[in-house]
Amino acid sequence: AKLFANAAEADAALAKLRAEHKPGNNVAVLVSVGPYPAQLEYRIPGSPPSASVHKAQAEFIYILAGGCTLITGGTLENPKDNGANLAGSGITGGVPRKVAKGDYIMVPPNTPHQYADIQGELAMVTLHMPMAAQ
């Protein structure tokens, strides 16, 4: 368990993720207790598609920096089961929504979601919360 992260630790974690500048989803756990990690996630333009479904977790998202088009709902394309989640190459028939710094999002369990068209960078805090699928 890690119950506290001060602003300097969070800033340092984000600076490290920016410096590593790897395509894909780069993650640093800020705080956690039991099955509840609050993570700092960082993505850049050109990151591979990140469509997914969390079977039994809701996901709370707070956008810290940058923006993207968040697609939710619809059908996951080319789903691959990896246990707690499904990963896919995209979403068909979802609802696109522009999100940016300061936005709050809640994704229910068993809901396809994808970060697309990243604008500059995308930095966010996410919290996965185990719960029964809706």
C-alpha atoms as a PDB file:
ATOM      1  CA  ALA A   1       0.000   0.000   0.000  1.00  0.00           C
ATOM      2  CA  LYS A   2       1.104   3.540  -0.748  1.00  0.00           C
ATOM      3  CA  LEU A   3      -1.346   5.953   0.807  1.00  0.00           C
ATOM      4  CA  PHE A   4       0.125   9.350  -0.052  1.00  0.00           C
ATOM      5  CA  ALA A   5       1.943  11.032  -2.942  1.00  0.00           C
ATOM      6  CA  ASN A   6       2.755  14.705  -2.703  1.00  0.00           C
ATOM      7  CA  ALA A   7       2.676  17.102  -5.644  1.00  0.00           C
ATOM      8  CA  ALA A   8       6.458  16.921  -6.095  1.00  0.00           C
ATOM      9  CA  GLU A   9       6.310  13.110  -6.444  1.00  0.00           C
ATOM     10  CA  ALA A  10       3.490  13.336  -8.983  1.00  0.00           C
ATOM     11  CA  ASP A  11       5.344  16.044 -10.941  1.00  0.00           C
ATOM     12  CA  ALA A  12       8.542  13.930 -10.926  1.00  0.00           C
ATOM     13  CA  ALA A  13       6.632  10.854 -12.127  1.00  0.00           C
ATOM     14  CA  LEU A  14       5.099  12.834 -14.991  1.00  0.00           C
ATOM     15  CA  ALA A  15       8.495  14.332 -15.908  1.00  0.00           C
ATOM     16  CA  LYS A  16       9.990  10.818 -16.018  1.00  0.00           C
ATOM     17  CA  LEU A  17       7.186   9.517 -18.254  1.00  0.00           C
ATOM     18  CA  ARG A  18       7.610  12.529 -20.572  1.00  0.00           C
ATOM     19  CA  ALA A  19      11.396  11.998 -20.740  1.00  0.00           C
ATOM     20  CA  GLU A  20      11.000   8.307 -21.598  1.00  0.00           C
ATOM     21  CA  HIS A  21       8.660   9.364 -24.440  1.00  0.00           C
ATOM     22  CA  LYS A  22       7.677   5.801 -25.408  1.00  0.00           C
ATOM     23  CA  PRO A  23       4.712   5.113 -27.714  1.00  0.00           C
ATOM     24  CA  GLY A  24       1.888   3.330 -25.929  1.00  0.00           C
ATOM     25  CA  ASN A  25       0.537   3.646 -22.438  1.00  0.00           C
ATOM     26  CA  ASN A  26       3.183   4.602 -19.883  1.00  0.00           C
ATOM     27  CA  VAL A  27       2.084   4.185 -16.279  1.00  0.00           C
ATOM     28  CA  ALA A  28       3.305   5.163 -12.818  1.00  0.00           C
ATOM     29  CA  VAL A  29       1.339   4.191  -9.710  1.00  0.00           C
ATOM     30  CA  LEU A  30       0.876   7.249  -7.496  1.00  0.00           C
ATOM     31  CA  VAL A  31      -1.024   5.697  -4.568  1.00  0.00           C
ATOM     32  CA  SER A  32      -2.740   2.377  -3.941  1.00  0.00           C
ATOM     33  CA  VAL A  33      -4.512   0.307  -1.374  1.00  0.00           C
ATOM     34  CA  GLY A  34      -5.818  -3.203  -2.029  1.00  0.00           C
ATOM     35  CA  PRO A  35      -7.187  -3.470  -5.563  1.00  0.00           C
ATOM     36  CA  TYR A  36      -7.383   0.337  -6.025  1.00  0.00           C
ATOM     37  CA  PRO A  37      -4.325   1.842  -7.751  1.00  0.00           C
ATOM     38  CA  ALA A  38      -4.448   5.508  -8.704  1.00  0.00           C
ATOM     39  CA  GLN A  39      -2.164   5.675 -11.711  1.00  0.00           C
ATOM     40  CA  LEU A  40      -0.569   8.415 -13.713  1.00  0.00           C
ATOM     41  CA  GLU A  41      -0.909   7.486 -17.396  1.00  0.00           C
ATOM     42  CA  TYR A  42       0.914   9.193 -20.238  1.00  0.00           C
ATOM     43  CA  ARG A  43       0.444   8.817 -24.008  1.00  0.00           C
ATOM     44  CA  ILE A  44       1.811  10.669 -27.027  1.00  0.00           C
ATOM     45  CA  PRO A  45       0.631  11.049 -30.635  1.00  0.00           C
ATOM     46  CA  GLY A  46       1.373   7.935 -32.651  1.00  0.00           C
ATOM     47  CA  SER A  47       0.700   5.644 -29.695  1.00  0.00           C
ATOM     48  CA  PRO A  48      -0.806   2.368 -30.848  1.00  0.00           C
ATOM     49  CA  PRO A  49      -4.593   2.018 -30.551  1.00  0.00           C
ATOM     50  CA  SER A  50      -5.582   1.350 -26.969  1.00  0.00           C
ATOM     51  CA  ALA A  51      -9.142   0.063 -27.174  1.00  0.00           C
ATOM     52  CA  SER A  52     -10.078  -1.985 -24.136  1.00  0.00           C
ATOM     53  CA  VAL A  53     -12.828  -3.322 -21.921  1.00  0.00           C
ATOM     54  CA  HIS A  54     -12.411  -3.806 -18.174  1.00  0.00           C
ATOM     55  CA  LYS A  55     -14.729  -6.713 -17.416  1.00  0.00           C
ATOM     56  CA  ALA A  56     -15.356  -6.003 -13.747  1.00  0.00           C
ATOM     57  CA  GLN A  57     -13.839  -2.563 -13.146  1.00  0.00           C
ATOM     58  CA  ALA A  58     -15.174   0.931 -13.542  1.00  0.00           C
ATOM     59  CA  GLU A  59     -12.496   3.438 -14.537  1.00  0.00           C
ATOM     60  CA  PHE A  60     -12.386   6.999 -13.263  1.00  0.00           C
ATOM     61  CA  ILE A  61     -10.272   9.330 -15.442  1.00  0.00           C
ATOM     62  CA  TYR A  62      -9.077  12.885 -14.725  1.00  0.00           C
ATOM     63  CA  ILE A  63      -7.244  14.636 -17.582  1.00  0.00           C
ATOM     64  CA  LEU A  64      -4.148  16.480 -16.278  1.00  0.00           C
ATOM     65  CA  ALA A  65      -2.684  17.706 -19.566  1.00  0.00           C
ATOM     66  CA  GLY A  66      -3.291  17.556 -23.290  1.00  0.00           C
ATOM     67  CA  GLY A  67      -6.337  15.998 -24.845  1.00  0.00           C
ATOM     68  CA  CYS A  68      -7.701  13.418 -27.229  1.00  0.00           C
ATOM     69  CA  THR A  69     -10.863  11.948 -28.618  1.00  0.00           C
ATOM     70  CA  LEU A  70     -12.235   9.400 -26.154  1.00  0.00           C
ATOM     71  CA  ILE A  71     -14.451   6.817 -27.835  1.00  0.00           C
ATOM     72  CA  THR A  72     -16.831   4.883 -25.567  1.00  0.00           C
ATOM     73  CA  GLY A  73     -19.425   2.203 -26.180  1.00  0.00           C
ATOM     74  CA  GLY A  74     -19.841   0.317 -29.422  1.00  0.00           C
ATOM     75  CA  THR A  75     -18.090  -2.961 -30.171  1.00  0.00           C
ATOM     76  CA  LEU A  76     -14.442  -3.822 -29.542  1.00  0.00           C
ATOM     77  CA  GLU A  77     -12.635  -4.797 -32.779  1.00  0.00           C
ATOM     78  CA  ASN A  78     -10.404  -7.910 -32.768  1.00  0.00           C
ATOM     79  CA  PRO A  79     -10.863  -8.560 -29.030  1.00  0.00           C
ATOM     80  CA  LYS A  80      -8.169 -10.499 -27.194  1.00  0.00           C
ATOM     81  CA  ASP A  81      -8.979 -11.775 -23.717  1.00  0.00           C
ATOM     82  CA  ASN A  82      -6.174 -11.250 -21.193  1.00  0.00           C
ATOM     83  CA  GLY A  83      -8.065 -12.212 -18.061  1.00  0.00           C
ATOM     84  CA  ALA A  84      -9.501  -9.167 -16.319  1.00  0.00           C
ATOM     85  CA  ASN A  85      -9.625  -7.158 -19.555  1.00  0.00           C
ATOM     86  CA  LEU A  86     -10.189  -7.372 -23.276  1.00  0.00           C
ATOM     87  CA  ALA A  87      -7.809  -5.532 -25.614  1.00  0.00           C
ATOM     88  CA  GLY A  88      -8.716  -4.593 -29.158  1.00  0.00           C
ATOM     89  CA  SER A  89      -7.496  -2.776 -32.242  1.00  0.00           C
ATOM     90  CA  GLY A  90     -10.323  -0.232 -32.189  1.00  0.00           C
ATOM     91  CA  ILE A  91     -14.028   0.354 -31.629  1.00  0.00           C
ATOM     92  CA  THR A  92     -16.887   0.172 -34.108  1.00  0.00           C
ATOM     93  CA  GLY A  93     -19.990   2.249 -33.436  1.00  0.00           C
ATOM     94  CA  GLY A  94     -18.773   4.038 -30.324  1.00  0.00           C
ATOM     95  CA  VAL A  95     -19.477   7.630 -29.332  1.00  0.00           C
ATOM     96  CA  PRO A  96     -16.513  10.019 -29.811  1.00  0.00           C
ATOM     97  CA  ARG A  97     -16.029  12.886 -27.356  1.00  0.00           C
ATOM     98  CA  LYS A  98     -13.227  15.466 -27.250  1.00  0.00           C
ATOM     99  CA  VAL A  99     -11.647  15.538 -23.795  1.00  0.00           C
ATOM    100  CA  ALA A 100      -9.006  17.925 -22.464  1.00  0.00           C
ATOM    101  CA  LYS A 101      -7.241  19.153 -19.332  1.00  0.00           C
ATOM    102  CA  GLY A 102      -9.606  19.389 -16.373  1.00  0.00           C
ATOM    103  CA  ASP A 103     -12.205  16.881 -17.661  1.00  0.00           C
ATOM    104  CA  TYR A 104     -13.521  14.060 -15.477  1.00  0.00           C
ATOM    105  CA  ILE A 105     -14.759  10.803 -17.011  1.00  0.00           C
ATOM    106  CA  MET A 106     -16.321   7.645 -15.589  1.00  0.00           C
ATOM    107  CA  VAL A 107     -16.253   4.498 -17.733  1.00  0.00           C
ATOM    108  CA  PRO A 108     -18.605   1.754 -16.446  1.00  0.00           C
ATOM    109  CA  PRO A 109     -17.432  -1.860 -16.287  1.00  0.00           C
ATOM    110  CA  ASN A 110     -17.700  -3.891 -19.488  1.00  0.00           C
ATOM    111  CA  THR A 111     -17.685  -0.721 -21.656  1.00  0.00           C
ATOM    112  CA  PRO A 112     -15.356  -0.452 -24.665  1.00  0.00           C
ATOM    113  CA  HIS A 113     -13.207   2.697 -24.565  1.00  0.00           C
ATOM    114  CA  GLN A 114     -10.339   4.043 -26.648  1.00  0.00           C
ATOM    115  CA  TYR A 115      -8.033   7.072 -26.618  1.00  0.00           C
ATOM    116  CA  ALA A 116      -7.660   8.351 -30.209  1.00  0.00           C
ATOM    117  CA  ASP A 117      -6.293  11.461 -31.936  1.00  0.00           C
ATOM    118  CA  ILE A 118      -4.012  12.465 -29.052  1.00  0.00           C
ATOM    119  CA  GLN A 119      -3.315  16.205 -29.127  1.00  0.00           C
ATOM    120  CA  GLY A 120       0.322  16.848 -28.186  1.00  0.00           C
ATOM    121  CA  GLU A 121       0.286  14.593 -25.179  1.00  0.00           C
ATOM    122  CA  LEU A 122      -2.229  12.976 -22.892  1.00  0.00           C
ATOM    123  CA  ALA A 123      -1.547  12.882 -19.156  1.00  0.00           C
ATOM    124  CA  MET A 124      -4.227  11.595 -16.829  1.00  0.00           C
ATOM    125  CA  VAL A 125      -4.851  10.062 -13.442  1.00  0.00           C
ATOM    126  CA  THR A 126      -6.914   6.889 -13.591  1.00  0.00           C
ATOM    127  CA  LEU A 127      -8.478   4.799 -10.859  1.00  0.00           C
ATOM    128  CA  HIS A 128      -9.738   1.297 -11.595  1.00  0.00           C
ATOM    129  CA  MET A 129     -12.488   0.272  -9.180  1.00  0.00           C
ATOM    130  CA  PRO A 130     -13.499  -3.384  -8.961  1.00  0.00           C
ATOM    131  CA  MET A 131     -17.259  -3.843  -9.149  1.00  0.00           C
ATOM    132  CA  ALA A 132     -19.846  -6.079 -10.718  1.00  0.00           C
ATOM    133  CA  ALA A 133     -20.313  -5.617 -14.463  1.00  0.00           C
ATOM    134  CA  GLN A 134     -23.272  -3.414 -15.410  1.00  0.00           C
END
